Amino acid sequence: MPVDPQLLEILVCPACKADLELVQLPAESCVMLVERYREKFRDETPQVQDGLKCTDCRRVFPIVSEIPVMLIDEALPAEG
């Protein structure tokens, strides 16, 4: 299920307050994130396919099992 467009309109980057855009994550990032969040989802395997990319600082905030993880420490680094 994709992120609700109304939610996407109100969410901003917690680091720099810029807009976010929905992006598909590379397969290797998805595998890494599933392993990172596995213990927090004891009864199911976390699903990771997309993220929210900041249009300014370029950090990517993963969406884990339909929940945007909007913590700066959990963001994927800005692309080089």
Protein backbone atom coordinates (compact mmCIF):
# COMPACT_ATOMS: atom_id res chain seq x y z
CA MET A 1 0.00 0.00 0.00
CA PRO A 2 1.51 3.35 -1.00
CA VAL A 3 1.87 6.29 1.36
CA ASP A 4 -1.31 8.33 1.59
CA PRO A 5 -0.88 11.43 -0.64
CA GLN A 6 -2.36 13.64 2.09
CA LEU A 7 0.26 12.37 4.55
CA LEU A 8 3.01 13.00 2.01
CA GLU A 9 1.80 16.60 1.65
CA ILE A 10 2.26 17.36 5.36
CA LEU A 11 5.46 15.40 6.08
CA VAL A 12 8.74 17.31 5.88
CA CYS A 13 12.34 16.33 6.46
CA PRO A 14 13.02 16.37 10.21
CA ALA A 15 16.58 17.59 9.56
CA CYS A 16 16.03 20.55 7.24
CA LYS A 17 12.21 20.88 6.91
CA ALA A 18 12.29 20.49 3.10
CA ASP A 19 9.69 18.56 1.09
CA LEU A 20 9.91 14.80 0.64
CA GLU A 21 9.35 12.65 -2.42
CA LEU A 22 8.47 8.98 -2.60
CA VAL A 23 11.28 6.84 -4.07
CA GLN A 24 11.84 3.14 -4.59
CA LEU A 25 14.83 1.83 -2.65
CA PRO A 26 17.55 -0.33 -4.22
CA ALA A 27 17.24 -4.05 -3.46
CA GLU A 28 20.40 -4.14 -1.33
CA SER A 29 19.10 -1.30 0.85
CA CYS A 30 15.80 -3.14 1.31
CA VAL A 31 17.57 -6.31 2.46
CA MET A 32 19.71 -4.33 4.91
CA LEU A 33 16.68 -2.52 6.32
CA VAL A 34 14.65 -5.73 6.72
CA GLU A 35 17.50 -7.15 8.81
CA ARG A 36 17.82 -3.92 10.82
CA TYR A 37 14.11 -3.89 11.76
CA ARG A 38 13.50 -7.67 12.01
CA GLU A 39 13.65 -7.82 15.84
CA LYS A 40 11.12 -4.99 16.15
CA PHE A 41 8.58 -7.01 14.13
CA ARG A 42 8.51 -10.23 16.12
CA ASP A 43 5.40 -11.76 14.53
CA GLU A 44 6.10 -10.77 10.92
CA THR A 45 8.89 -9.96 8.52
CA PRO A 46 9.15 -6.20 7.95
CA GLN A 47 8.37 -5.07 4.41
CA VAL A 48 10.63 -2.43 2.88
CA GLN A 49 10.40 -1.20 -0.71
CA ASP A 50 10.13 2.57 -0.64
CA GLY A 51 11.48 5.58 1.18
CA LEU A 52 10.88 9.31 1.47
CA LYS A 53 13.75 11.32 -0.01
CA CYS A 54 14.40 14.88 1.08
CA THR A 55 14.49 17.27 -1.85
CA ASP A 56 17.18 19.38 -0.14
CA CYS A 57 19.56 17.34 2.04
CA ARG A 58 18.86 14.11 0.05
CA ARG A 59 18.50 11.86 3.14
CA VAL A 60 16.15 8.94 2.58
CA PHE A 61 13.76 7.94 5.35
CA PRO A 62 12.67 4.30 4.95
CA ILE A 63 9.08 3.16 4.95
CA VAL A 64 8.93 -0.06 6.99
CA SER A 65 5.72 -2.07 6.79
CA GLU A 66 3.82 1.05 5.65
CA ILE A 67 5.24 3.20 8.50
CA PRO A 68 7.55 6.09 7.55
CA VAL A 69 10.56 6.08 9.89
CA MET A 70 11.16 9.82 10.26
CA LEU A 71 14.12 9.69 12.65
CA ILE A 72 17.29 11.45 11.51
CA ASP A 73 19.46 8.69 12.98
CA GLU A 74 17.56 6.04 10.99
CA ALA A 75 17.78 7.82 7.63
CA LEU A 76 19.89 6.46 4.83
CA PRO A 77 22.76 8.84 4.05
CA ALA A 78 22.54 11.43 1.31
CA GLU A 79 23.50 10.10 -2.09
CA GLY A 80 26.93 11.04 -3.28
